[in-house]
Amino acid sequence: MSSLLLNPHKALFTASSSFPLRSDVNAQILVASRRAATRIVDCRPRASRDSFEAEALPETNAKKKNANRKIILFGSSPPPLSEDRSGAAGNGRGKPGSEASSWGFFQKALKRALAVLSNLPLAIAEMFTIAALMALGTVIDQGEAPDYYFQKYPEENPMFGFFTWRWVLNLGFDHMFTSPVFLGLLILLACSLMACTYTTQIPLVKVARRWSFKHSAEAIRRQDFADSLPKASVKDLGIILMGAGYEGMAGRFAPIGVHISMLLIMVGGTLSAAGSFHGSVTVPQGLNFVVGDTMNPNGFLSFPTQSFDTEVHVNRFYMDYYDSGEVSQFYSDLSLFSLDGKELMRKTIRVNDPLRFRGITIYQTDWGFSALQITKNGEGPFNLAMAPLQMNGEKKLFGTFLPTGDADSPNVKGISMLARDLQSIVLYDQEGKFAGVRRPSSKLPIDIDGTRIVIEDAIGSTGLDLKTDPGVPIVYAGFGALMLTTCISYFSHSQIWALQDGTTVVIGGKTNRAKLEFRDEVNGLLDEVPELVSIDQNLNG
């Protein structure tokens, strides 16, 4: 049933607005006039009478299939439907008692669970606990062998008096972001966000979209902002408000968007932690490897894809140097091949410029010295493997050994070769004395202890990190939506009421944010309302 209030001397106006946004017109005007007395016109939809009749006379329903529809009017209100203890109507169409009782218990349990989950202090506690676990995950080294934790967190000397390796291994803190404790808290926080959205934010949006009319000047004057305009028309005010074009519902939808954004971030983070792959490999120049052979799953959601069958070939590895001789940048020329030998992609990667292909990302992370190619007394070339030696600080040092006597002798002697990069090789004789320096590109021979050596080439090796992370796009989308909806949530939702009382317009309004700006904005709009001038005043003027 709906009612229309007709009023002889008063016109009623209401508008919903937003400050300071001015984009689309969102205003509704209700204008009414009253003559001698208030008259209420009741409007009842036809479907209501039909359903009313069906409930009042259930025994006639079967007859209506083959007979004309009848309209029955009661002289008094119809008798109420009787209900049994199970809550079902007494017309025989209700649920059985046990089924209705079970459904009622389920509804009560669901409401109670929603009330608990939507509790704000609980959600705050969940977020603080998750933040604390994330901080703990940065302190505890992740993914190490159990022996590592046995030694670092021994039971004989527990950290803080109680924290030992049992806490780390039993609770899964060695893989914090895929541990049952961490994932369980994420699920609990997600349930809290959804419960808050369902029980609080969605009802607030419904209330904000519902027009609320004030039918008296006293009710309007009780608003946060109230004023009156003598000799003014509510129609003129309505035109000015609609022309300003205020839209205020965006700020009400924003909290729902914030919750959805947080859910996206948590889903993406969980998928990254439990559904990704990671691998590292060091490959000499000229060799190749299969992606799937180097990848290790990070969690129970990690499933290999067809791209894992891709073969990677290192065409070339080279480095750039500063004037001081230090390494400035290193590069890897890579080609990707399918199983049938077809080249799918080729790119030269460097630090901070990875290769991306079908969800796989290949990063340039390290370099090494694989082998030294030489000729000995005109024979060869031979490849001497370069071994990493003790490093001083961040500088690398590689070395190899070329035997010059009997290799099976217990006191074998030979020529030692050392290198810090691929530019130059330092050579030492059998006594360990400095013999000279040669660049691989010079091709200049050097004679040491009767052996002529030519450095033909320095073969480097590239250090690559491979990664698949399906959660990254979801996390990026979540953070982008979170920033957008957080900004939108600062938009004000404002409402203005106006009542025509004779020649005076009574105005009132309220807003949820920026109350001072709202007052100044409304005052500026009221200044634009024209003053009504009577015909007698025009004639006298």
Foldseek 3Di string as FASTA:
>chain_A
DDKDKAAAFKFWFKAWFWPPDFDAFGGDGGTHHHDDDIDIDDDDDPVVQVVVVCVLCVVCPVVCVPDPDDHDDDPDDGDDFDADPLRATPPPPGDDSVVSVVVVVVVVVVVVVLVVLQDPVVLVVLVVVLVVLVVVLVVDAADDDLVVQCVVAPPVDHDVNDHGSCCCVVQVSSLSLAGPVNVVSLVSSLSSLVSNCVPPLVVVLVVLPDDDTDDDLVVQCPFPDKDKDFQFDVVLLSVLSSVSHGDFSLLSCLSVLLSVLVNLQSVLSSCQQAAKWKFKDKFWAFDKDFQLVGIDGRHPNHDDDPNSRKMKHFNAKDFDADPVGHTDWIKTWIWIAHPVGHTDDTDIAIAPRWDDDPQKTKHFDDKFFAWWFKAKPNDDRDTWGWDWDDDDPPFTKIKTWDFDDDPPDPPTFTKIWMDRDQAKIWIAARVRHTQDMDGLVPQDWGAGPNMIMGGPGTIMITMMMMMGRPSVVSNVVSVVSNVVSVVSNQIKTKMKIWMRDNSMIMIHMHIDDDGVVVNVVVVVSVVPGDRHDDPVNVVVD
